[in-house]
């Protein structure tokens, strides 16, 4: 069990776990997961951690096929500037390794924004907290659990 799975069980949220054999040589964790699970990349969401105004960290959850708009992320986070957080900051703050960062069950709850495209799907897939393990759940359940909000994040 991962902290993400434990958090969902504790909150009594309906979800499904999907596992696949992760290839360490894969260049894109998200594309690899979508291909191995046989799902559209628009339903598989990645978790990115950004640094706002050089201080606070925040989480963006968006389709693996999309690029994050830092300008939009900053705007919706009421910050002037957003940049990708350093890998060491991401791992320390979330408790997860890169390629397996889940927006759920992080060591420290961060402000979380979910791309509005999630509402077009009955369920979406997010990392379960380790490479090769995904969680399928309703996007509204994800946003409610994290006290997050929907907004346009993709370029």
Protein backbone atom coordinates (compact mmCIF):
# COMPACT_ATOMS: atom_id res chain seq x y z
CA UNK A 1 0.00 0.00 0.00
CA UNK A 2 1.09 3.54 -0.70
CA UNK A 3 0.10 6.68 1.23
CA UNK A 4 -2.17 7.60 -1.72
CA UNK A 5 -4.07 4.31 -1.55
CA UNK A 6 -4.30 4.50 2.24
CA UNK A 7 -5.68 8.06 2.03
CA UNK A 8 -8.38 7.01 -0.43
CA UNK A 9 -9.39 4.05 1.73
CA UNK A 10 -9.56 6.24 4.82
CA UNK A 11 -11.72 8.79 2.98
CA UNK A 12 -13.92 5.93 1.68
CA UNK A 13 -13.53 7.09 -1.92
CA UNK A 14 -14.29 4.62 -4.69
CA UNK A 15 -11.19 3.83 -6.79
CA UNK A 16 -9.47 1.09 -8.77
CA UNK A 17 -5.79 0.19 -8.83
CA UNK A 18 -4.03 -0.59 -12.13
CA UNK A 19 -0.54 -2.07 -12.17
CA UNK A 20 1.94 -2.52 -15.00
CA UNK A 21 5.58 -3.52 -15.34
CA UNK A 22 7.59 -0.28 -15.39
CA UNK A 23 10.53 -0.16 -17.80
CA UNK A 24 13.42 1.81 -16.27
CA UNK A 25 14.57 2.76 -19.78
CA UNK A 26 11.28 4.51 -20.55
CA UNK A 27 11.72 8.20 -21.36
CA UNK A 28 8.19 9.26 -20.38
CA UNK A 29 6.50 7.71 -17.35
CA UNK A 30 3.07 8.96 -18.40
CA UNK A 31 3.22 7.82 -22.02
CA UNK A 32 4.55 4.45 -20.88
CA UNK A 33 1.67 4.05 -18.39
CA UNK A 34 -0.99 5.01 -20.97
CA UNK A 35 0.42 2.56 -23.51
CA UNK A 36 0.81 -0.32 -21.08
CA UNK A 37 -2.66 0.21 -19.58
CA UNK A 38 -4.25 0.73 -23.00
CA UNK A 39 -5.86 4.06 -22.14
CA UNK A 40 -6.06 7.41 -23.91
CA UNK A 41 -3.35 9.84 -22.76
CA UNK A 42 -6.09 12.44 -22.13
CA UNK A 43 -7.36 10.28 -19.22
CA UNK A 44 -3.94 9.75 -17.62
CA UNK A 45 -2.94 12.73 -15.49
CA UNK A 46 0.56 13.63 -14.32
CA UNK A 47 1.43 15.35 -11.07
CA UNK A 48 3.84 18.28 -11.32
CA UNK A 49 5.18 20.26 -8.38
CA UNK A 50 5.99 23.91 -8.96
CA UNK A 51 7.59 26.64 -6.90
CA UNK A 52 5.63 29.89 -6.64
CA UNK A 53 7.47 33.20 -6.33
CA UNK A 54 10.59 31.29 -5.30
CA UNK A 55 9.01 30.14 -2.03
CA UNK A 56 5.82 28.07 -1.82
CA UNK A 57 5.24 24.76 -3.56
CA UNK A 58 2.01 23.86 -5.35
CA UNK A 59 0.72 20.90 -7.36
CA UNK A 60 -0.59 20.84 -10.92
CA UNK A 61 -2.48 17.78 -12.17
CA UNK A 62 -2.91 17.64 -15.95
CA UNK A 63 -3.01 15.15 -18.82
CA UNK A 64 0.33 13.51 -19.60
CA UNK A 65 -0.06 14.65 -23.21
CA UNK A 66 -0.20 18.33 -22.16
CA UNK A 67 2.38 20.93 -21.20
CA UNK A 68 1.84 23.04 -18.08
CA UNK A 69 1.42 26.77 -18.60
CA UNK A 70 3.55 28.30 -15.85
CA UNK A 71 1.90 31.66 -16.43
CA UNK A 72 -1.57 30.20 -15.89
CA UNK A 73 -0.38 28.17 -12.88
CA UNK A 74 1.00 31.33 -11.28
CA UNK A 75 -2.16 33.30 -12.03
CA UNK A 76 -4.51 30.68 -10.53
CA UNK A 77 -2.19 30.37 -7.50
CA UNK A 78 -2.18 34.15 -6.98
CA UNK A 79 1.57 34.28 -7.58
CA UNK A 80 3.70 36.35 -9.92
CA UNK A 81 5.88 33.49 -11.14
CA UNK A 82 5.86 29.69 -11.24
CA UNK A 83 8.80 27.41 -12.09
CA UNK A 84 9.29 23.67 -11.82
CA UNK A 85 10.44 22.67 -8.34
CA UNK A 86 13.82 20.98 -7.98
CA UNK A 87 13.60 17.16 -7.90
CA UNK A 88 15.01 17.06 -4.36
CA UNK A 89 12.32 19.51 -3.19
CA UNK A 90 9.62 17.43 -4.85
CA UNK A 91 10.75 14.20 -3.20
CA UNK A 92 11.27 15.81 0.21
CA UNK A 93 7.93 17.60 0.21
CA UNK A 94 5.78 14.82 -1.25
CA UNK A 95 7.52 11.72 0.05
CA UNK A 96 7.37 10.21 -3.45
CA UNK A 97 10.04 9.58 -6.09
CA UNK A 98 9.88 11.29 -9.48
CA UNK A 99 7.76 9.29 -11.90
CA UNK A 100 5.65 8.09 -8.99
CA UNK A 101 4.46 11.36 -7.44
CA UNK A 102 0.79 11.19 -6.51
CA UNK A 103 -1.24 14.28 -5.68
CA UNK A 104 -2.80 12.20 -2.88
CA UNK A 105 -1.10 11.22 0.38
CA UNK A 106 1.78 13.65 0.17
CA UNK A 107 3.81 14.32 3.32
CA UNK A 108 2.72 17.94 3.24
CA UNK A 109 -0.57 18.91 1.62
CA UNK A 110 0.09 21.46 -1.08
CA UNK A 111 -2.32 23.75 -2.91
CA UNK A 112 -3.55 21.61 -5.81
CA UNK A 113 -4.96 22.65 -9.17
CA UNK A 114 -6.48 20.11 -11.56
CA UNK A 115 -6.79 20.80 -15.28
CA UNK A 116 -10.41 21.41 -16.20
CA UNK A 117 -10.22 18.75 -18.94
CA UNK A 118 -10.62 16.17 -16.15
CA UNK A 119 -14.34 16.94 -15.95
CA UNK A 120 -14.76 15.55 -19.48
CA UNK A 121 -14.10 12.04 -18.13
CA UNK A 122 -16.10 9.82 -15.82
CA UNK A 123 -12.81 8.66 -14.35
CA UNK A 124 -9.16 9.64 -14.68
CA UNK A 125 -5.90 7.90 -13.83
CA UNK A 126 -3.25 9.34 -11.51
CA UNK A 127 -0.11 7.91 -9.96
CA UNK A 128 -0.70 5.72 -6.95
CA UNK A 129 2.63 6.73 -5.46
CA UNK A 130 5.13 4.53 -7.25
CA UNK A 131 6.20 3.81 -10.78
CA UNK A 132 4.05 1.12 -12.38
CA UNK A 133 0.99 1.76 -10.20
CA UNK A 134 -1.98 3.97 -11.14
CA UNK A 135 -5.25 4.87 -9.43
CA UNK A 136 -8.47 5.32 -11.38
CA UNK A 137 -11.05 7.57 -9.71
CA UNK A 138 -13.69 10.19 -10.42
CA UNK A 139 -12.13 13.64 -10.96
CA UNK A 140 -14.59 15.29 -8.57
CA UNK A 141 -13.51 12.88 -5.81
CA UNK A 142 -9.87 13.87 -6.40
CA UNK A 143 -10.61 17.61 -6.26
CA UNK A 144 -12.81 17.25 -3.18
CA UNK A 145 -10.28 15.10 -1.28
CA UNK A 146 -7.46 17.58 -1.95
CA UNK A 147 -9.55 20.73 -1.47
CA UNK A 148 -8.32 21.54 -4.96
CA UNK A 149 -9.91 23.42 -7.80
CA UNK A 150 -10.38 23.02 -11.52
CA UNK A 151 -8.82 25.49 -13.93
CA UNK A 152 -7.21 25.57 -17.35
CA UNK A 153 -3.55 24.63 -16.86
CA UNK A 154 -2.44 23.28 -20.22
CA UNK A 155 -0.76 25.27 -22.98
